[in-house]
């Protein structure tokens, strides 16, 4: 968990395990890497964001497919 998490500081998001057949849910997709402000997120933080904000994963997975 990131204390005082501000979604606006999340950038350079890369989604892993995108299966186009899972559209629109992308149930296997997850945040593989991302930056928060000026630092790279840990694997645990990426997992927390994936679990807590699945809409981010869905949106970014769709964007990566385009």
C-alpha atoms as a PDB file:
ATOM      1  CA  UNK A   1       0.000   0.000   0.000  1.00  0.00           C
ATOM      2  CA  UNK A   2       1.130   3.517  -0.762  1.00  0.00           C
ATOM      3  CA  UNK A   3       0.219   6.006   1.984  1.00  0.00           C
ATOM      4  CA  UNK A   4      -1.794   8.962   0.669  1.00  0.00           C
ATOM      5  CA  UNK A   5      -1.896   7.413  -2.821  1.00  0.00           C
ATOM      6  CA  UNK A   6      -2.610  10.007  -5.522  1.00  0.00           C
ATOM      7  CA  UNK A   7      -3.576   8.409  -8.837  1.00  0.00           C
ATOM      8  CA  UNK A   8      -2.444  11.550 -10.678  1.00  0.00           C
ATOM      9  CA  UNK A   9       1.177  10.733  -9.804  1.00  0.00           C
ATOM     10  CA  UNK A  10       1.008   7.322 -11.512  1.00  0.00           C
ATOM     11  CA  UNK A  11       2.735   7.291 -14.911  1.00  0.00           C
ATOM     12  CA  UNK A  12       4.709   5.130 -17.352  1.00  0.00           C
ATOM     13  CA  UNK A  13       2.305   2.262 -16.703  1.00  0.00           C
ATOM     14  CA  UNK A  14       3.055  -0.997 -18.522  1.00  0.00           C
ATOM     15  CA  UNK A  15       0.439  -3.753 -18.424  1.00  0.00           C
ATOM     16  CA  UNK A  16       1.461  -7.391 -18.685  1.00  0.00           C
ATOM     17  CA  UNK A  17      -0.418 -10.513 -19.814  1.00  0.00           C
ATOM     18  CA  UNK A  18      -2.966  -8.776 -22.041  1.00  0.00           C
ATOM     19  CA  UNK A  19      -5.181 -11.242 -23.891  1.00  0.00           C
ATOM     20  CA  UNK A  20      -7.359  -9.543 -26.537  1.00  0.00           C
ATOM     21  CA  UNK A  21      -9.892 -12.364 -26.135  1.00  0.00           C
ATOM     22  CA  UNK A  22     -10.503 -11.154 -22.559  1.00  0.00           C
ATOM     23  CA  UNK A  23     -11.796  -7.766 -23.729  1.00  0.00           C
ATOM     24  CA  UNK A  24     -13.269  -5.778 -21.996  1.00  0.00           C
ATOM     25  CA  UNK A  25     -12.349  -7.346 -18.649  1.00  0.00           C
ATOM     26  CA  UNK A  26      -8.707  -8.301 -19.283  1.00  0.00           C
ATOM     27  CA  UNK A  27      -8.981 -10.580 -16.245  1.00  0.00           C
ATOM     28  CA  UNK A  28      -5.356 -11.824 -16.439  1.00  0.00           C
ATOM     29  CA  UNK A  29      -3.788  -8.416 -17.053  1.00  0.00           C
ATOM     30  CA  UNK A  30      -1.748  -6.729 -14.327  1.00  0.00           C
ATOM     31  CA  UNK A  31       0.525  -3.736 -13.824  1.00  0.00           C
ATOM     32  CA  UNK A  32       3.971  -5.050 -14.665  1.00  0.00           C
ATOM     33  CA  UNK A  33       5.752  -1.752 -14.057  1.00  0.00           C
ATOM     34  CA  UNK A  34       4.946   1.875 -13.378  1.00  0.00           C
ATOM     35  CA  UNK A  35       6.354   5.016 -11.861  1.00  0.00           C
ATOM     36  CA  UNK A  36       4.893   6.958  -8.990  1.00  0.00           C
ATOM     37  CA  UNK A  37       6.092  10.520  -9.099  1.00  0.00           C
ATOM     38  CA  UNK A  38       9.820  10.255  -9.685  1.00  0.00           C
ATOM     39  CA  UNK A  39      10.389   6.660  -8.551  1.00  0.00           C
ATOM     40  CA  UNK A  40       9.748   3.203  -9.941  1.00  0.00           C
ATOM     41  CA  UNK A  41       7.152   1.153  -8.080  1.00  0.00           C
ATOM     42  CA  UNK A  42       8.073  -2.105  -6.394  1.00  0.00           C
ATOM     43  CA  UNK A  43       6.436  -5.361  -7.469  1.00  0.00           C
ATOM     44  CA  UNK A  44       4.354  -5.289  -4.294  1.00  0.00           C
ATOM     45  CA  UNK A  45       3.124  -1.765  -5.010  1.00  0.00           C
ATOM     46  CA  UNK A  46       2.227  -2.714  -8.601  1.00  0.00           C
ATOM     47  CA  UNK A  47       0.281  -5.685  -7.268  1.00  0.00           C
ATOM     48  CA  UNK A  48      -1.536  -3.493  -4.731  1.00  0.00           C
ATOM     49  CA  UNK A  49      -2.560  -0.982  -7.416  1.00  0.00           C
ATOM     50  CA  UNK A  50      -3.665  -3.819  -9.728  1.00  0.00           C
ATOM     51  CA  UNK A  51      -5.880  -5.232  -6.972  1.00  0.00           C
ATOM     52  CA  UNK A  52      -7.152  -1.904  -5.661  1.00  0.00           C
ATOM     53  CA  UNK A  53      -7.689  -0.065  -8.964  1.00  0.00           C
ATOM     54  CA  UNK A  54      -8.663  -2.679 -11.597  1.00  0.00           C
ATOM     55  CA  UNK A  55     -10.163   0.066 -13.766  1.00  0.00           C
ATOM     56  CA  UNK A  56      -6.649   1.423 -14.346  1.00  0.00           C
ATOM     57  CA  UNK A  57      -5.520  -1.987 -15.573  1.00  0.00           C
ATOM     58  CA  UNK A  58      -8.497  -2.282 -17.912  1.00  0.00           C
ATOM     59  CA  UNK A  59      -8.049   1.204 -19.336  1.00  0.00           C
ATOM     60  CA  UNK A  60      -4.305   0.888 -19.867  1.00  0.00           C
ATOM     61  CA  UNK A  61      -4.611  -2.655 -21.280  1.00  0.00           C
ATOM     62  CA  UNK A  62      -7.045  -1.365 -23.883  1.00  0.00           C
ATOM     63  CA  UNK A  63      -4.721   1.567 -24.688  1.00  0.00           C
ATOM     64  CA  UNK A  64      -1.758  -0.796 -25.179  1.00  0.00           C
ATOM     65  CA  UNK A  65      -3.752  -2.887 -27.657  1.00  0.00           C
ATOM     66  CA  UNK A  66      -4.372   0.113 -29.916  1.00  0.00           C
END
